[in-house]
PDB file of N, CA and C in Angstrom:
ATOM      1  N   MET A   1       0.847  -1.183   0.000  1.00  0.00           N
ATOM      2  CA  MET A   1       0.000   0.000   0.000  1.00  0.00           C
ATOM      3  C   MET A   1       0.890   1.245   0.000  1.00  0.00           C
ATOM      4  N   PHE A   2       0.559   2.179  -0.846  1.00  0.00           N
ATOM      5  CA  PHE A   2       1.245   3.469  -0.921  1.00  0.00           C
ATOM      6  C   PHE A   2       0.271   4.527  -0.429  1.00  0.00           C
ATOM      7  N   ARG A   3       0.729   5.385   0.493  1.00  0.00           N
ATOM      8  CA  ARG A   3      -0.128   6.449   1.010  1.00  0.00           C
ATOM      9  C   ARG A   3       0.623   7.772   0.982  1.00  0.00           C
ATOM     10  N   LEU A   4      -0.014   8.794   0.415  1.00  0.00           N
ATOM     11  CA  LEU A   4       0.560  10.133   0.324  1.00  0.00           C
ATOM     12  C   LEU A   4      -0.354  11.096   1.069  1.00  0.00           C
ATOM     13  N   TRP A   5       0.241  11.879   1.960  1.00  0.00           N
ATOM     14  CA  TRP A   5      -0.500  12.824   2.790  1.00  0.00           C
ATOM     15  C   TRP A   5      -0.300  14.221   2.220  1.00  0.00           C
ATOM     16  N   GLY A   6      -1.377  14.881   1.854  1.00  0.00           N
ATOM     17  CA  GLY A   6      -1.336  16.252   1.358  1.00  0.00           C
ATOM     18  C   GLY A   6      -1.919  17.189   2.394  1.00  0.00           C
ATOM     19  N   LYS A   7      -1.195  18.293   2.683  1.00  0.00           N
ATOM     20  CA  LYS A   7      -1.630  19.236   3.712  1.00  0.00           C
ATOM     21  C   LYS A   7      -1.464  20.665   3.202  1.00  0.00           C
ATOM     22  N   ILE A   8      -2.424  21.519   3.542  1.00  0.00           N
ATOM     23  CA  ILE A   8      -2.352  22.942   3.216  1.00  0.00           C
ATOM     24  C   ILE A   8      -2.151  23.715   4.514  1.00  0.00           C
ATOM     25  N   PHE A   9      -1.142  24.610   4.512  1.00  0.00           N
ATOM     26  CA  PHE A   9      -0.815  25.396   5.699  1.00  0.00           C
ATOM     27  C   PHE A   9      -0.929  26.884   5.434  1.00  0.00           C
ATOM     28  N   LYS A  10      -1.397  27.608   6.437  1.00  0.00           N
ATOM     29  CA  LYS A  10      -1.452  29.073   6.424  1.00  0.00           C
ATOM     30  C   LYS A  10      -1.088  29.546   7.825  1.00  0.00           C
ATOM     31  N   ASP A  11      -0.099  30.415   7.933  1.00  0.00           N
ATOM     32  CA  ASP A  11       0.355  30.949   9.227  1.00  0.00           C
ATOM     33  C   ASP A  11       0.673  29.836  10.225  1.00  0.00           C
ATOM     34  N   ASN A  12       1.369  28.800   9.754  1.00  0.00           N
ATOM     35  CA  ASN A  12       1.789  27.649  10.578  1.00  0.00           C
ATOM     36  C   ASN A  12       0.630  26.841  11.152  1.00  0.00           C
ATOM     37  N   HIS A  13      -0.547  26.946  10.555  1.00  0.00           N
ATOM     38  CA  HIS A  13      -1.698  26.139  10.954  1.00  0.00           C
ATOM     39  C   HIS A  13      -2.159  25.319   9.756  1.00  0.00           C
ATOM     40  N   MET A  14      -2.448  24.042   9.991  1.00  0.00           N
ATOM     41  CA  MET A  14      -2.945  23.194   8.921  1.00  0.00           C
ATOM     42  C   MET A  14      -4.416  23.522   8.689  1.00  0.00           C
ATOM     43  N   LEU A  15      -4.737  23.912   7.465  1.00  0.00           N
ATOM     44  CA  LEU A  15      -6.120  24.249   7.118  1.00  0.00           C
ATOM     45  C   LEU A  15      -6.890  23.028   6.633  1.00  0.00           C
ATOM     46  N   ARG A  16      -6.242  22.222   5.797  1.00  0.00           N
ATOM     47  CA  ARG A  16      -6.891  21.026   5.226  1.00  0.00           C
ATOM     48  C   ARG A  16      -5.849  19.947   5.047  1.00  0.00           C
ATOM     49  N   ASP A  17      -6.325  18.719   5.064  1.00  0.00           N
ATOM     50  CA  ASP A  17      -5.432  17.613   4.733  1.00  0.00           C
ATOM     51  C   ASP A  17      -6.241  16.463   4.177  1.00  0.00           C
ATOM     52  N   THR A  18      -5.543  15.593   3.480  1.00  0.00           N
ATOM     53  CA  THR A  18      -6.151  14.402   2.921  1.00  0.00           C
ATOM     54  C   THR A  18      -5.058  13.353   2.715  1.00  0.00           C
ATOM     55  N   VAL A  19      -5.456  12.106   2.764  1.00  0.00           N
ATOM     56  CA  VAL A  19      -4.537  11.004   2.515  1.00  0.00           C
ATOM     57  C   VAL A  19      -5.058  10.231   1.303  1.00  0.00           C
ATOM     58  N   ILE A  20      -4.168  10.021   0.344  1.00  0.00           N
ATOM     59  CA  ILE A  20      -4.508   9.276  -0.861  1.00  0.00           C
ATOM     60  C   ILE A  20      -3.834   7.914  -0.775  1.00  0.00           C
ATOM     61  N   GLU A  21      -4.623   6.870  -0.923  1.00  0.00           N
ATOM     62  CA  GLU A  21      -4.105   5.508  -0.888  1.00  0.00           C
ATOM     63  C   GLU A  21      -4.082   4.948  -2.307  1.00  0.00           C
ATOM     64  N   ASP A  22      -3.006   4.234  -2.621  1.00  0.00           N
ATOM     65  CA  ASP A  22      -2.850   3.655  -3.958  1.00  0.00           C
ATOM     66  C   ASP A  22      -2.259   2.262  -3.797  1.00  0.00           C
ATOM     67  N   ASP A  23      -3.034   1.243  -4.121  1.00  0.00           N
ATOM     68  CA  ASP A  23      -2.542  -0.124  -3.978  1.00  0.00           C
ATOM     69  C   ASP A  23      -2.300  -0.798  -5.330  1.00  0.00           C
ATOM     70  N   ARG A  24      -2.202   0.006  -6.397  1.00  0.00           N
ATOM     71  CA  ARG A  24      -1.919  -0.541  -7.729  1.00  0.00           C
ATOM     72  C   ARG A  24      -0.483  -1.045  -7.796  1.00  0.00           C
ATOM     73  N   ASN A  25      -0.254  -1.924  -8.707  1.00  0.00           N
ATOM     74  CA  ASN A  25       1.088  -2.416  -8.972  1.00  0.00           C
ATOM     75  C   ASN A  25       1.708  -1.517 -10.036  1.00  0.00           C
ATOM     76  N   ASP A  26       2.230  -0.372  -9.615  1.00  0.00           N
ATOM     77  CA  ASP A  26       2.763   0.635 -10.519  1.00  0.00           C
ATOM     78  C   ASP A  26       4.057   1.188  -9.928  1.00  0.00           C
ATOM     79  N   THR A  27       4.754   2.040 -10.663  1.00  0.00           N
ATOM     80  CA  THR A  27       5.996   2.611 -10.154  1.00  0.00           C
ATOM     81  C   THR A  27       5.701   3.666  -9.089  1.00  0.00           C
ATOM     82  N   ARG A  28       6.694   3.922  -8.261  1.00  0.00           N
ATOM     83  CA  ARG A  28       6.549   4.936  -7.204  1.00  0.00           C
ATOM     84  C   ARG A  28       6.260   6.305  -7.811  1.00  0.00           C
ATOM     85  N   THR A  29       6.948   6.637  -8.897  1.00  0.00           N
ATOM     86  CA  THR A  29       6.763   7.933  -9.550  1.00  0.00           C
ATOM     87  C   THR A  29       5.334   8.102 -10.048  1.00  0.00           C
ATOM     88  N   HIS A  30       4.782   7.066 -10.690  1.00  0.00           N
ATOM     89  CA  HIS A  30       3.395   7.154 -11.161  1.00  0.00           C
ATOM     90  C   HIS A  30       2.435   7.313  -9.992  1.00  0.00           C
ATOM     91  N   LYS A  31       2.676   6.608  -8.906  1.00  0.00           N
ATOM     92  CA  LYS A  31       1.802   6.714  -7.736  1.00  0.00           C
ATOM     93  C   LYS A  31       1.858   8.118  -7.143  1.00  0.00           C
ATOM     94  N   ILE A  32       3.051   8.720  -7.091  1.00  0.00           N
ATOM     95  CA  ILE A  32       3.195  10.068  -6.552  1.00  0.00           C
ATOM     96  C   ILE A  32       2.445  11.071  -7.407  1.00  0.00           C
ATOM     97  N   PHE A  33       2.659  11.022  -8.730  1.00  0.00           N
ATOM     98  CA  PHE A  33       1.993  11.983  -9.607  1.00  0.00           C
ATOM     99  C   PHE A  33       0.484  11.785  -9.638  1.00  0.00           C
ATOM    100  N   ASP A  34       0.014  10.552  -9.638  1.00  0.00           N
ATOM    101  CA  ASP A  34      -1.426  10.298  -9.619  1.00  0.00           C
ATOM    102  C   ASP A  34      -2.047  10.755  -8.302  1.00  0.00           C
ATOM    103  N   SER A  35      -1.342  10.532  -7.206  1.00  0.00           N
ATOM    104  CA  SER A  35      -1.839  10.969  -5.897  1.00  0.00           C
ATOM    105  C   SER A  35      -1.861  12.491  -5.805  1.00  0.00           C
ATOM    106  N   LEU A  36      -0.831  13.146  -6.346  1.00  0.00           N
ATOM    107  CA  LEU A  36      -0.809  14.612  -6.364  1.00  0.00           C
ATOM    108  C   LEU A  36      -1.969  15.152  -7.196  1.00  0.00           C
ATOM    109  N   ASP A  37      -2.263  14.529  -8.319  1.00  0.00           N
ATOM    110  CA  ASP A  37      -3.418  14.932  -9.125  1.00  0.00           C
ATOM    111  C   ASP A  37      -4.704  14.845  -8.316  1.00  0.00           C
ATOM    112  N   GLN A  38      -4.867  13.764  -7.559  1.00  0.00           N
ATOM    113  CA  GLN A  38      -6.073  13.581  -6.748  1.00  0.00           C
ATOM    114  C   GLN A  38      -6.141  14.614  -5.617  1.00  0.00           C
ATOM    115  N   ILE A  39      -5.007  14.902  -4.991  1.00  0.00           N
ATOM    116  CA  ILE A  39      -4.966  15.917  -3.921  1.00  0.00           C
ATOM    117  C   ILE A  39      -5.353  17.275  -4.480  1.00  0.00           C
ATOM    118  N   CYS A  40      -4.803  17.643  -5.626  1.00  0.00           N
ATOM    119  CA  CYS A  40      -5.135  18.934  -6.237  1.00  0.00           C
ATOM    120  C   CYS A  40      -6.607  18.995  -6.622  1.00  0.00           C
ATOM    121  N   TYR A  41      -7.164  17.887  -7.089  1.00  0.00           N
ATOM    122  CA  TYR A  41      -8.592  17.835  -7.413  1.00  0.00           C
ATOM    123  C   TYR A  41      -9.426  18.022  -6.142  1.00  0.00           C
ATOM    124  N   ASP A  42      -9.061  17.307  -5.071  1.00  0.00           N
ATOM    125  CA  ASP A  42      -9.805  17.411  -3.810  1.00  0.00           C
ATOM    126  C   ASP A  42      -9.755  18.825  -3.231  1.00  0.00           C
ATOM    127  N   PHE A  43      -8.606  19.495  -3.359  1.00  0.00           N
ATOM    128  CA  PHE A  43      -8.430  20.844  -2.814  1.00  0.00           C
ATOM    129  C   PHE A  43      -8.794  21.941  -3.811  1.00  0.00           C
ATOM    130  N   ASP A  44      -9.218  21.563  -5.021  1.00  0.00           N
ATOM    131  CA  ASP A  44      -9.557  22.505  -6.085  1.00  0.00           C
ATOM    132  C   ASP A  44      -8.386  23.441  -6.386  1.00  0.00           C
ATOM    133  N   LEU A  45      -7.223  22.825  -6.654  1.00  0.00           N
ATOM    134  CA  LEU A  45      -6.005  23.573  -6.950  1.00  0.00           C
ATOM    135  C   LEU A  45      -5.486  23.206  -8.332  1.00  0.00           C
ATOM    136  N   GLY A  46      -4.742  24.136  -8.918  1.00  0.00           N
ATOM    137  CA  GLY A  46      -3.979  23.808 -10.106  1.00  0.00           C
ATOM    138  C   GLY A  46      -2.778  22.971  -9.693  1.00  0.00           C
ATOM    139  N   LYS A  47      -2.248  22.198 -10.611  1.00  0.00           N
ATOM    140  CA  LYS A  47      -1.104  21.345 -10.285  1.00  0.00           C
ATOM    141  C   LYS A  47       0.156  22.190 -10.126  1.00  0.00           C
ATOM    142  N   PRO A  48       0.913  21.951  -9.062  1.00  0.00           N
ATOM    143  CA  PRO A  48       2.148  22.710  -8.876  1.00  0.00           C
ATOM    144  C   PRO A  48       3.257  22.208  -9.802  1.00  0.00           C
ATOM    145  N   ILE A  49       4.207  23.068 -10.034  1.00  0.00           N
ATOM    146  CA  ILE A  49       5.370  22.740 -10.841  1.00  0.00           C
ATOM    147  C   ILE A  49       6.447  22.199  -9.914  1.00  0.00           C
ATOM    148  N   TRP A  50       7.033  21.065 -10.293  1.00  0.00           N
ATOM    149  CA  TRP A  50       8.118  20.481  -9.499  1.00  0.00           C
ATOM    150  C   TRP A  50       9.412  21.225  -9.821  1.00  0.00           C
ATOM    151  N   LEU A  51       9.879  22.041  -8.891  1.00  0.00           N
ATOM    152  CA  LEU A  51      11.154  22.722  -9.054  1.00  0.00           C
ATOM    153  C   LEU A  51      12.276  21.777  -8.624  1.00  0.00           C
ATOM    154  N   ASP A  52      13.506  22.105  -8.997  1.00  0.00           N
ATOM    155  CA  ASP A  52      14.639  21.254  -8.624  1.00  0.00           C
ATOM    156  C   ASP A  52      14.728  21.066  -7.115  1.00  0.00           C
ATOM    157  N   SER A  53      14.438  22.123  -6.365  1.00  0.00           N
ATOM    158  CA  SER A  53      14.489  22.019  -4.894  1.00  0.00           C
ATOM    159  C   SER A  53      13.443  21.037  -4.375  1.00  0.00           C
ATOM    160  N   ASN A  54      12.258  21.007  -4.994  1.00  0.00           N
ATOM    161  CA  ASN A  54      11.220  20.048  -4.589  1.00  0.00           C
ATOM    162  C   ASN A  54      11.659  18.620  -4.864  1.00  0.00           C
ATOM    163  N   ILE A  55      12.249  18.408  -6.020  1.00  0.00           N
ATOM    164  CA  ILE A  55      12.679  17.060  -6.397  1.00  0.00           C
ATOM    165  C   ILE A  55      13.751  16.556  -5.445  1.00  0.00           C
ATOM    166  N   GLN A  56      14.751  17.390  -5.174  1.00  0.00           N
ATOM    167  CA  GLN A  56      15.834  16.969  -4.276  1.00  0.00           C
ATOM    168  C   GLN A  56      15.325  16.712  -2.859  1.00  0.00           C
ATOM    169  N   GLU A  57      14.465  17.585  -2.360  1.00  0.00           N
ATOM    170  CA  GLU A  57      13.908  17.414  -1.016  1.00  0.00           C
ATOM    171  C   GLU A  57      13.068  16.136  -0.934  1.00  0.00           C
ATOM    172  N   PHE A  58      12.285  15.867  -1.976  1.00  0.00           N
ATOM    173  CA  PHE A  58      11.431  14.684  -1.974  1.00  0.00           C
ATOM    174  C   PHE A  58      12.258  13.411  -2.050  1.00  0.00           C
ATOM    175  N   LYS A  59      13.340  13.437  -2.823  1.00  0.00           N
ATOM    176  CA  LYS A  59      14.219  12.269  -2.909  1.00  0.00           C
ATOM    177  C   LYS A  59      14.869  11.964  -1.557  1.00  0.00           C
ATOM    178  N   ARG A  60      15.272  13.009  -0.842  1.00  0.00           N
ATOM    179  CA  ARG A  60      15.966  12.829   0.435  1.00  0.00           C
ATOM    180  C   ARG A  60      15.048  12.442   1.581  1.00  0.00           C
ATOM    181  N   HIS A  61      13.896  13.097   1.670  1.00  0.00           N
ATOM    182  CA  HIS A  61      13.045  12.970   2.850  1.00  0.00           C
ATOM    183  C   HIS A  61      11.656  12.397   2.592  1.00  0.00           C
ATOM    184  N   SER A  62      11.320  12.102   1.340  1.00  0.00           N
ATOM    185  CA  SER A  62       9.965  11.675   0.952  1.00  0.00           C
ATOM    186  C   SER A  62       8.929  12.700   1.403  1.00  0.00           C
ATOM    187  N   LYS A  63       9.328  13.966   1.354  1.00  0.00           N
ATOM    188  CA  LYS A  63       8.466  15.061   1.793  1.00  0.00           C
ATOM    189  C   LYS A  63       8.926  16.333   1.082  1.00  0.00           C
ATOM    190  N   THR A  64       7.984  17.179   0.662  1.00  0.00           N
ATOM    191  CA  THR A  64       8.332  18.459   0.050  1.00  0.00           C
ATOM    192  C   THR A  64       7.200  19.459   0.250  1.00  0.00           C
ATOM    193  N   ARG A  65       7.538  20.718   0.059  1.00  0.00           N
ATOM    194  CA  ARG A  65       6.561  21.802   0.170  1.00  0.00           C
ATOM    195  C   ARG A  65       6.543  22.601  -1.128  1.00  0.00           C
ATOM    196  N   PHE A  66       5.330  22.886  -1.590  1.00  0.00           N
ATOM    197  CA  PHE A  66       5.138  23.707  -2.777  1.00  0.00           C
ATOM    198  C   PHE A  66       4.662  25.081  -2.322  1.00  0.00           C
ATOM    199  N   TYR A  67       5.475  26.107  -2.565  1.00  0.00           N
ATOM    200  CA  TYR A  67       5.139  27.480  -2.217  1.00  0.00           C
ATOM    201  C   TYR A  67       4.531  28.182  -3.429  1.00  0.00           C
ATOM    202  N   GLN A  68       4.252  29.472  -3.305  1.00  0.00           N
ATOM    203  CA  GLN A  68       3.621  30.241  -4.378  1.00  0.00           C
ATOM    204  C   GLN A  68       4.385  30.126  -5.695  1.00  0.00           C
ATOM    205  N   ASP A  69       5.709  30.048  -5.645  1.00  0.00           N
ATOM    206  CA  ASP A  69       6.486  30.010  -6.891  1.00  0.00           C
ATOM    207  C   ASP A  69       6.299  28.718  -7.686  1.00  0.00           C
ATOM    208  N   SER A  70       5.655  27.709  -7.091  1.00  0.00           N
ATOM    209  CA  SER A  70       5.377  26.463  -7.804  1.00  0.00           C
ATOM    210  C   SER A  70       4.001  26.463  -8.468  1.00  0.00           C
ATOM    211  N   PHE A  71       3.194  27.469  -8.180  1.00  0.00           N
ATOM    212  CA  PHE A  71       1.839  27.556  -8.726  1.00  0.00           C
ATOM    213  C   PHE A  71       1.737  28.703  -9.727  1.00  0.00           C
ATOM    214  N   ILE A  72       0.944  28.516 -10.756  1.00  0.00           N
ATOM    215  CA  ILE A  72       0.733  29.570 -11.741  1.00  0.00           C
ATOM    216  C   ILE A  72      -0.247  30.603 -11.194  1.00  0.00           C
ATOM    217  N   GLU A  73      -1.329  30.134 -10.593  1.00  0.00           N
ATOM    218  CA  GLU A  73      -2.326  31.049 -10.054  1.00  0.00           C
ATOM    219  C   GLU A  73      -1.977  31.421  -8.609  1.00  0.00           C
ATOM    220  N   GLU A  74      -2.615  32.456  -8.135  1.00  0.00           N
ATOM    221  CA  GLU A  74      -2.425  32.896  -6.741  1.00  0.00           C
ATOM    222  C   GLU A  74      -3.044  31.865  -5.808  1.00  0.00           C
ATOM    223  N   ILE A  75      -2.354  31.542  -4.714  1.00  0.00           N
ATOM    224  CA  ILE A  75      -2.883  30.573  -3.751  1.00  0.00           C
ATOM    225  C   ILE A  75      -3.217  31.290  -2.448  1.00  0.00           C
ATOM    226  N   PRO A  76      -4.331  30.917  -1.803  1.00  0.00           N
ATOM    227  CA  PRO A  76      -4.755  31.592  -0.567  1.00  0.00           C
ATOM    228  C   PRO A  76      -4.164  30.950   0.690  1.00  0.00           C
ATOM    229  N   PHE A  77      -3.011  30.325   0.581  1.00  0.00           N
ATOM    230  CA  PHE A  77      -2.357  29.685   1.715  1.00  0.00           C
ATOM    231  C   PHE A  77      -0.850  29.838   1.530  1.00  0.00           C
ATOM    232  N   ASP A  78      -0.079  29.416   2.523  1.00  0.00           N
ATOM    233  CA  ASP A  78       1.380  29.580   2.458  1.00  0.00           C
ATOM    234  C   ASP A  78       2.054  28.488   1.642  1.00  0.00           C
ATOM    235  N   TYR A  79       1.661  27.233   1.862  1.00  0.00           N
ATOM    236  CA  TYR A  79       2.271  26.148   1.100  1.00  0.00           C
ATOM    237  C   TYR A  79       1.438  24.880   1.162  1.00  0.00           C
ATOM    238  N   LEU A  80       1.662  24.024   0.161  1.00  0.00           N
ATOM    239  CA  LEU A  80       1.092  22.681   0.091  1.00  0.00           C
ATOM    240  C   LEU A  80       2.224  21.722   0.399  1.00  0.00           C
ATOM    241  N   GLU A  81       2.025  20.859   1.376  1.00  0.00           N
ATOM    242  CA  GLU A  81       3.059  19.898   1.752  1.00  0.00           C
ATOM    243  C   GLU A  81       2.615  18.498   1.373  1.00  0.00           C
ATOM    244  N   LEU A  82       3.529  17.743   0.777  1.00  0.00           N
ATOM    245  CA  LEU A  82       3.301  16.341   0.447  1.00  0.00           C
ATOM    246  C   LEU A  82       4.265  15.489   1.247  1.00  0.00           C
ATOM    247  N   GLN A  83       3.752  14.383   1.789  1.00  0.00           N
ATOM    248  CA  GLN A  83       4.591  13.480   2.558  1.00  0.00           C
ATOM    249  C   GLN A  83       4.150  12.053   2.321  1.00  0.00           C
ATOM    250  N   VAL A  84       5.110  11.195   1.974  1.00  0.00           N
ATOM    251  CA  VAL A  84       4.825   9.774   1.859  1.00  0.00           C
ATOM    252  C   VAL A  84       4.772   9.210   3.271  1.00  0.00           C
ATOM    253  N   ILE A  85       3.642   8.598   3.634  1.00  0.00           N
ATOM    254  CA  ILE A  85       3.529   8.043   4.981  1.00  0.00           C
ATOM    255  C   ILE A  85       3.565   6.520   5.003  1.00  0.00           C
ATOM    256  N   GLU A  86       3.445   5.900   3.837  1.00  0.00           N
ATOM    257  CA  GLU A  86       3.554   4.441   3.780  1.00  0.00           C
ATOM    258  C   GLU A  86       3.920   4.024   2.363  1.00  0.00           C
ATOM    259  N   GLU A  87       4.865   3.103   2.280  1.00  0.00           N
ATOM    260  CA  GLU A  87       5.244   2.539   0.994  1.00  0.00           C
ATOM    261  C   GLU A  87       5.318   1.040   1.133  1.00  0.00           C
ATOM    262  N   ASP A  88       4.958   0.340   0.053  1.00  0.00           N
ATOM    263  CA  ASP A  88       5.033  -1.123   0.111  1.00  0.00           C
ATOM    264  C   ASP A  88       6.379  -1.621  -0.328  1.00  0.00           C
TER     265      ASP A  88
END
């Protein structure tokens, strides 16, 4: 089972969160991108752009934060955080 936790923060307070579970037999990368698509759909957000800093942070810690510079449209929060909480 693969589980990705998406959280929205504003002023150091979590406003919303959701956990996406994926038990398909697919690559980790596909599961991450598909889960991010579902999180953005649930939160009614545009998809963020993966910057080099996001990729490196995610590779090291299985966690990253998307700030305003990763989004095309204006966001009403400080950042979107993604964290892998379970991998098979």
